[in-house]
Amino acid sequence: MSRPKRKFSELSTPAKVGVVAAGVGQVTLAVLAFTDLAGRPKEEINGPKPAWIPVILVNWFGPITYFLFGRKN
């Protein structure tokens, strides 16, 4: 049996801190990836720049994939 979903207000303080920290980390990583993508010339990007936009939007996986495989340098 699955447990009923809990509201954010019902979480413990450490759980709330963890959820907020994970959210901030995800947004920060995506912003860094978008900033890097916008500032790099197309010659330094593997593949077309517009193709990386939806990739970066995938939680955690996207920005990390961009940093590992999207940049030539």
PDB file of N, CA and C in Angstrom:
ATOM      1  N   MET A   1       0.836  -1.181   0.000  1.00  0.00           N
ATOM      2  CA  MET A   1       0.000   0.000   0.000  1.00  0.00           C
ATOM      3  C   MET A   1       0.880   1.243   0.000  1.00  0.00           C
ATOM      4  N   SER A   2       0.454   2.232  -0.730  1.00  0.00           N
ATOM      5  CA  SER A   2       1.223   3.467  -0.770  1.00  0.00           C
ATOM      6  C   SER A   2       0.728   4.417   0.317  1.00  0.00           C
ATOM      7  N   ARG A   3       1.670   5.191   0.797  1.00  0.00           N
ATOM      8  CA  ARG A   3       1.321   6.171   1.821  1.00  0.00           C
ATOM      9  C   ARG A   3       0.671   7.371   1.160  1.00  0.00           C
ATOM     10  N   PRO A   4      -0.233   8.031   1.869  1.00  0.00           N
ATOM     11  CA  PRO A   4      -0.838   9.234   1.283  1.00  0.00           C
ATOM     12  C   PRO A   4       0.214  10.340   1.153  1.00  0.00           C
ATOM     13  N   LYS A   5       0.054  11.172   0.145  1.00  0.00           N
ATOM     14  CA  LYS A   5       0.995  12.273  -0.055  1.00  0.00           C
ATOM     15  C   LYS A   5       0.863  13.271   1.081  1.00  0.00           C
ATOM     16  N   ARG A   6       2.029  13.822   1.464  1.00  0.00           N
ATOM     17  CA  ARG A   6       2.014  14.838   2.510  1.00  0.00           C
ATOM     18  C   ARG A   6       2.205  16.207   1.886  1.00  0.00           C
ATOM     19  N   LYS A   7       1.603  17.194   2.499  1.00  0.00           N
ATOM     20  CA  LYS A   7       1.776  18.570   2.058  1.00  0.00           C
ATOM     21  C   LYS A   7       3.128  19.070   2.550  1.00  0.00           C
ATOM     22  N   PHE A   8       3.638  20.098   1.877  1.00  0.00           N
ATOM     23  CA  PHE A   8       4.921  20.676   2.266  1.00  0.00           C
ATOM     24  C   PHE A   8       4.880  21.121   3.725  1.00  0.00           C
ATOM     25  N   SER A   9       3.765  21.685   4.151  1.00  0.00           N
ATOM     26  CA  SER A   9       3.641  22.178   5.527  1.00  0.00           C
ATOM     27  C   SER A   9       3.696  21.049   6.555  1.00  0.00           C
ATOM     28  N   GLU A  10       3.455  19.823   6.130  1.00  0.00           N
ATOM     29  CA  GLU A  10       3.486  18.685   7.049  1.00  0.00           C
ATOM     30  C   GLU A  10       4.877  18.060   7.177  1.00  0.00           C
ATOM     31  N   LEU A  11       5.819  18.493   6.358  1.00  0.00           N
ATOM     32  CA  LEU A  11       7.170  17.936   6.424  1.00  0.00           C
ATOM     33  C   LEU A  11       7.909  18.456   7.644  1.00  0.00           C
ATOM     34  N   SER A  12       8.894  17.682   8.080  1.00  0.00           N
ATOM     35  CA  SER A  12       9.743  18.148   9.175  1.00  0.00           C
ATOM     36  C   SER A  12      10.635  19.271   8.660  1.00  0.00           C
ATOM     37  N   THR A  13      11.201  20.030   9.579  1.00  0.00           N
ATOM     38  CA  THR A  13      12.086  21.132   9.184  1.00  0.00           C
ATOM     39  C   THR A  13      13.271  20.648   8.360  1.00  0.00           C
ATOM     40  N   PRO A  14      13.971  19.568   8.759  1.00  0.00           N
ATOM     41  CA  PRO A  14      15.077  19.107   7.904  1.00  0.00           C
ATOM     42  C   PRO A  14      14.618  18.689   6.506  1.00  0.00           C
ATOM     43  N   ALA A  15      13.437  18.101   6.404  1.00  0.00           N
ATOM     44  CA  ALA A  15      12.920  17.710   5.093  1.00  0.00           C
ATOM     45  C   ALA A  15      12.605  18.944   4.248  1.00  0.00           C
ATOM     46  N   LYS A  16      12.032  19.978   4.867  1.00  0.00           N
ATOM     47  CA  LYS A  16      11.751  21.222   4.150  1.00  0.00           C
ATOM     48  C   LYS A  16      13.046  21.851   3.648  1.00  0.00           C
ATOM     49  N   VAL A  17      14.068  21.867   4.501  1.00  0.00           N
ATOM     50  CA  VAL A  17      15.365  22.432   4.111  1.00  0.00           C
ATOM     51  C   VAL A  17      15.939  21.645   2.940  1.00  0.00           C
ATOM     52  N   GLY A  18      15.823  20.331   2.984  1.00  0.00           N
ATOM     53  CA  GLY A  18      16.325  19.494   1.898  1.00  0.00           C
ATOM     54  C   GLY A  18      15.610  19.747   0.586  1.00  0.00           C
ATOM     55  N   VAL A  19      14.295  19.882   0.636  1.00  0.00           N
ATOM     56  CA  VAL A  19      13.516  20.133  -0.578  1.00  0.00           C
ATOM     57  C   VAL A  19      13.879  21.496  -1.168  1.00  0.00           C
ATOM     58  N   VAL A  20      13.967  22.507  -0.315  1.00  0.00           N
ATOM     59  CA  VAL A  20      14.312  23.849  -0.792  1.00  0.00           C
ATOM     60  C   VAL A  20      15.737  23.869  -1.340  1.00  0.00           C
ATOM     61  N   ALA A  21      16.672  23.222  -0.650  1.00  0.00           N
ATOM     62  CA  ALA A  21      18.064  23.179  -1.119  1.00  0.00           C
ATOM     63  C   ALA A  21      18.165  22.476  -2.471  1.00  0.00           C
ATOM     64  N   ALA A  22      17.439  21.393  -2.641  1.00  0.00           N
ATOM     65  CA  ALA A  22      17.453  20.685  -3.925  1.00  0.00           C
ATOM     66  C   ALA A  22      16.879  21.573  -5.033  1.00  0.00           C
ATOM     67  N   GLY A  23      15.824  22.289  -4.733  1.00  0.00           N
ATOM     68  CA  GLY A  23      15.234  23.194  -5.719  1.00  0.00           C
ATOM     69  C   GLY A  23      16.170  24.325  -6.101  1.00  0.00           C
ATOM     70  N   VAL A  24      16.809  24.909  -5.103  1.00  0.00           N
ATOM     71  CA  VAL A  24      17.768  25.985  -5.370  1.00  0.00           C
ATOM     72  C   VAL A  24      18.949  25.447  -6.171  1.00  0.00           C
ATOM     73  N   GLY A  25      19.418  24.262  -5.827  1.00  0.00           N
ATOM     74  CA  GLY A  25      20.526  23.656  -6.567  1.00  0.00           C
ATOM     75  C   GLY A  25      20.168  23.406  -8.019  1.00  0.00           C
ATOM     76  N   GLN A  26      18.981  22.902  -8.265  1.00  0.00           N
ATOM     77  CA  GLN A  26      18.528  22.631  -9.637  1.00  0.00           C
ATOM     78  C   GLN A  26      18.435  23.917 -10.443  1.00  0.00           C
ATOM     79  N   VAL A  27      17.824  24.938  -9.863  1.00  0.00           N
ATOM     80  CA  VAL A  27      17.674  26.210 -10.580  1.00  0.00           C
ATOM     81  C   VAL A  27      19.040  26.836 -10.839  1.00  0.00           C
ATOM     82  N   THR A  28      19.923  26.792  -9.851  1.00  0.00           N
ATOM     83  CA  THR A  28      21.269  27.348 -10.011  1.00  0.00           C
ATOM     84  C   THR A  28      22.021  26.644 -11.130  1.00  0.00           C
ATOM     85  N   LEU A  29      21.964  25.337 -11.147  1.00  0.00           N
ATOM     86  CA  LEU A  29      22.649  24.565 -12.185  1.00  0.00           C
ATOM     87  C   LEU A  29      22.098  24.905 -13.573  1.00  0.00           C
ATOM     88  N   ALA A  30      20.784  25.030 -13.691  1.00  0.00           N
ATOM     89  CA  ALA A  30      20.177  25.370 -14.979  1.00  0.00           C
ATOM     90  C   ALA A  30      20.565  26.780 -15.418  1.00  0.00           C
ATOM     91  N   VAL A  31      20.561  27.733 -14.487  1.00  0.00           N
ATOM     92  CA  VAL A  31      20.944  29.109 -14.823  1.00  0.00           C
ATOM     93  C   VAL A  31      22.398  29.158 -15.272  1.00  0.00           C
ATOM     94  N   LEU A  32      23.270  28.447 -14.584  1.00  0.00           N
ATOM     95  CA  LEU A  32      24.679  28.402 -14.984  1.00  0.00           C
ATOM     96  C   LEU A  32      24.840  27.795 -16.377  1.00  0.00           C
ATOM     97  N   ALA A  33      24.101  26.740 -16.656  1.00  0.00           N
ATOM     98  CA  ALA A  33      24.186  26.101 -17.970  1.00  0.00           C
ATOM     99  C   ALA A  33      23.667  27.032 -19.065  1.00  0.00           C
ATOM    100  N   PHE A  34      22.533  27.698 -18.825  1.00  0.00           N
ATOM    101  CA  PHE A  34      22.001  28.630 -19.823  1.00  0.00           C
ATOM    102  C   PHE A  34      22.943  29.812 -20.041  1.00  0.00           C
ATOM    103  N   THR A  35      23.532  30.316 -18.960  1.00  0.00           N
ATOM    104  CA  THR A  35      24.478  31.428 -19.074  1.00  0.00           C
ATOM    105  C   THR A  35      25.697  31.013 -19.884  1.00  0.00           C
ATOM    106  N   ASP A  36      26.203  29.824 -19.610  1.00  0.00           N
ATOM    107  CA  ASP A  36      27.357  29.321 -20.350  1.00  0.00           C
ATOM    108  C   ASP A  36      27.006  29.128 -21.823  1.00  0.00           C
ATOM    109  N   LEU A  37      25.849  28.551 -22.080  1.00  0.00           N
ATOM    110  CA  LEU A  37      25.413  28.313 -23.460  1.00  0.00           C
ATOM    111  C   LEU A  37      25.274  29.628 -24.224  1.00  0.00           C
ATOM    112  N   ALA A  38      24.687  30.631 -23.594  1.00  0.00           N
ATOM    113  CA  ALA A  38      24.481  31.921 -24.260  1.00  0.00           C
ATOM    114  C   ALA A  38      25.801  32.640 -24.524  1.00  0.00           C
ATOM    115  N   GLY A  39      26.769  32.458 -23.631  1.00  0.00           N
ATOM    116  CA  GLY A  39      28.029  33.174 -23.755  1.00  0.00           C
ATOM    117  C   GLY A  39      29.070  32.507 -24.627  1.00  0.00           C
ATOM    118  N   ARG A  40      28.869  31.271 -24.980  1.00  0.00           N
ATOM    119  CA  ARG A  40      29.845  30.540 -25.799  1.00  0.00           C
ATOM    120  C   ARG A  40      29.544  30.693 -27.274  1.00  0.00           C
ATOM    121  N   PRO A  41      30.601  30.858 -28.070  1.00  0.00           N
ATOM    122  CA  PRO A  41      30.379  30.853 -29.521  1.00  0.00           C
ATOM    123  C   PRO A  41      29.954  29.461 -29.991  1.00  0.00           C
ATOM    124  N   LYS A  42      29.202  29.415 -31.066  1.00  0.00           N
ATOM    125  CA  LYS A  42      28.673  28.132 -31.551  1.00  0.00           C
ATOM    126  C   LYS A  42      29.774  27.147 -31.907  1.00  0.00           C
ATOM    127  N   GLU A  43      30.966  27.648 -32.211  1.00  0.00           N
ATOM    128  CA  GLU A  43      32.083  26.769 -32.554  1.00  0.00           C
ATOM    129  C   GLU A  43      32.567  25.957 -31.351  1.00  0.00           C
ATOM    130  N   GLU A  44      32.245  26.419 -30.152  1.00  0.00           N
ATOM    131  CA  GLU A  44      32.686  25.733 -28.937  1.00  0.00           C
ATOM    132  C   GLU A  44      31.603  24.843 -28.339  1.00  0.00           C
ATOM    133  N   ILE A  45      30.519  24.647 -29.072  1.00  0.00           N
ATOM    134  CA  ILE A  45      29.395  23.828 -28.600  1.00  0.00           C
ATOM    135  C   ILE A  45      29.278  22.599 -29.494  1.00  0.00           C
ATOM    136  N   ASN A  46      29.090  21.449 -28.895  1.00  0.00           N
ATOM    137  CA  ASN A  46      28.819  20.221 -29.654  1.00  0.00           C
ATOM    138  C   ASN A  46      27.350  20.217 -30.058  1.00  0.00           C
ATOM    139  N   GLY A  47      27.090  20.302 -31.337  1.00  0.00           N
ATOM    140  CA  GLY A  47      25.718  20.337 -31.830  1.00  0.00           C
ATOM    141  C   GLY A  47      25.199  21.758 -31.887  1.00  0.00           C
ATOM    142  N   PRO A  48      23.988  21.932 -32.408  1.00  0.00           N
ATOM    143  CA  PRO A  48      23.412  23.275 -32.501  1.00  0.00           C
ATOM    144  C   PRO A  48      22.988  23.796 -31.125  1.00  0.00           C
ATOM    145  N   LYS A  49      23.241  25.072 -30.895  1.00  0.00           N
ATOM    146  CA  LYS A  49      22.891  25.674 -29.609  1.00  0.00           C
ATOM    147  C   LYS A  49      21.408  25.508 -29.255  1.00  0.00           C
ATOM    148  N   PRO A  50      20.475  25.752 -30.197  1.00  0.00           N
ATOM    149  CA  PRO A  50      19.058  25.617 -29.833  1.00  0.00           C
ATOM    150  C   PRO A  50      18.675  24.214 -29.353  1.00  0.00           C
ATOM    151  N   ALA A  51      19.399  23.206 -29.785  1.00  0.00           N
ATOM    152  CA  ALA A  51      19.092  21.837 -29.360  1.00  0.00           C
ATOM    153  C   ALA A  51      19.395  21.623 -27.882  1.00  0.00           C
ATOM    154  N   TRP A  52      20.300  22.415 -27.322  1.00  0.00           N
ATOM    155  CA  TRP A  52      20.666  22.249 -25.919  1.00  0.00           C
ATOM    156  C   TRP A  52      19.654  22.874 -24.960  1.00  0.00           C
ATOM    157  N   ILE A  53      18.822  23.773 -25.454  1.00  0.00           N
ATOM    158  CA  ILE A  53      17.854  24.438 -24.571  1.00  0.00           C
ATOM    159  C   ILE A  53      16.896  23.441 -23.928  1.00  0.00           C
ATOM    160  N   PRO A  54      16.197  22.583 -24.691  1.00  0.00           N
ATOM    161  CA  PRO A  54      15.311  21.626 -24.013  1.00  0.00           C
ATOM    162  C   PRO A  54      16.070  20.604 -23.171  1.00  0.00           C
ATOM    163  N   VAL A  55      17.303  20.299 -23.553  1.00  0.00           N
ATOM    164  CA  VAL A  55      18.099  19.351 -22.756  1.00  0.00           C
ATOM    165  C   VAL A  55      18.366  19.939 -21.379  1.00  0.00           C
ATOM    166  N   ILE A  56      18.760  21.208 -21.332  1.00  0.00           N
ATOM    167  CA  ILE A  56      19.077  21.857 -20.054  1.00  0.00           C
ATOM    168  C   ILE A  56      17.848  21.922 -19.151  1.00  0.00           C
ATOM    169  N   LEU A  57      16.663  21.955 -19.731  1.00  0.00           N
ATOM    170  CA  LEU A  57      15.437  22.043 -18.933  1.00  0.00           C
ATOM    171  C   LEU A  57      15.084  20.746 -18.206  1.00  0.00           C
ATOM    172  N   VAL A  58      15.741  19.654 -18.529  1.00  0.00           N
ATOM    173  CA  VAL A  58      15.472  18.381 -17.847  1.00  0.00           C
ATOM    174  C   VAL A  58      16.163  18.420 -16.479  1.00  0.00           C
ATOM    175  N   ASN A  59      15.389  18.235 -15.430  1.00  0.00           N
ATOM    176  CA  ASN A  59      15.917  18.357 -14.066  1.00  0.00           C
ATOM    177  C   ASN A  59      17.201  17.578 -13.856  1.00  0.00           C
ATOM    178  N   TRP A  60      18.171  18.212 -13.245  1.00  0.00           N
ATOM    179  CA  TRP A  60      19.483  17.682 -12.893  1.00  0.00           C
ATOM    180  C   TRP A  60      20.215  17.064 -14.079  1.00  0.00           C
ATOM    181  N   PHE A  61      19.597  16.157 -14.755  1.00  0.00           N
ATOM    182  CA  PHE A  61      20.238  15.434 -15.850  1.00  0.00           C
ATOM    183  C   PHE A  61      20.657  16.369 -16.984  1.00  0.00           C
ATOM    184  N   GLY A  62      19.803  17.309 -17.343  1.00  0.00           N
ATOM    185  CA  GLY A  62      20.053  18.184 -18.480  1.00  0.00           C
ATOM    186  C   GLY A  62      21.273  19.079 -18.330  1.00  0.00           C
ATOM    187  N   PRO A  63      21.334  19.893 -17.268  1.00  0.00           N
ATOM    188  CA  PRO A  63      22.503  20.755 -17.107  1.00  0.00           C
ATOM    189  C   PRO A  63      23.805  19.972 -16.958  1.00  0.00           C
ATOM    190  N   ILE A  64      23.752  18.862 -16.246  1.00  0.00           N
ATOM    191  CA  ILE A  64      24.962  18.046 -16.078  1.00  0.00           C
ATOM    192  C   ILE A  64      25.389  17.477 -17.425  1.00  0.00           C
ATOM    193  N   THR A  65      24.430  17.018 -18.223  1.00  0.00           N
ATOM    194  CA  THR A  65      24.737  16.507 -19.558  1.00  0.00           C
ATOM    195  C   THR A  65      25.354  17.597 -20.422  1.00  0.00           C
ATOM    196  N   TYR A  66      24.803  18.802 -20.341  1.00  0.00           N
ATOM    197  CA  TYR A  66      25.364  19.910 -21.117  1.00  0.00           C
ATOM    198  C   TYR A  66      26.815  20.165 -20.712  1.00  0.00           C
ATOM    199  N   PHE A  67      27.085  20.245 -19.411  1.00  0.00           N
ATOM    200  CA  PHE A  67      28.449  20.530 -18.961  1.00  0.00           C
ATOM    201  C   PHE A  67      29.418  19.404 -19.324  1.00  0.00           C
ATOM    202  N   LEU A  68      28.948  18.172 -19.348  1.00  0.00           N
ATOM    203  CA  LEU A  68      29.833  17.051 -19.682  1.00  0.00           C
ATOM    204  C   LEU A  68      30.025  16.860 -21.185  1.00  0.00           C
ATOM    205  N   PHE A  69      28.965  17.032 -21.966  1.00  0.00           N
ATOM    206  CA  PHE A  69      29.022  16.681 -23.387  1.00  0.00           C
ATOM    207  C   PHE A  69      28.737  17.832 -24.351  1.00  0.00           C
ATOM    208  N   GLY A  70      28.193  18.928 -23.869  1.00  0.00           N
ATOM    209  CA  GLY A  70      27.795  20.010 -24.762  1.00  0.00           C
ATOM    210  C   GLY A  70      28.898  20.976 -25.131  1.00  0.00           C
ATOM    211  N   ARG A  71      29.918  21.048 -24.292  1.00  0.00           N
ATOM    212  CA  ARG A  71      30.993  22.008 -24.535  1.00  0.00           C
ATOM    213  C   ARG A  71      32.220  21.299 -25.089  1.00  0.00           C
ATOM    214  N   LYS A  72      32.878  21.938 -26.034  1.00  0.00           N
ATOM    215  CA  LYS A  72      34.083  21.343 -26.611  1.00  0.00           C
ATOM    216  C   LYS A  72      35.299  21.571 -25.726  1.00  0.00           C
ATOM    217  N   ASN A  73      35.330  22.664 -24.996  1.00  0.00           N
ATOM    218  CA  ASN A  73      36.484  22.961 -24.125  1.00  0.00           C
ATOM    219  C   ASN A  73      36.174  22.629 -22.693  1.00  0.00           C
TER     220      ASN A  73
END
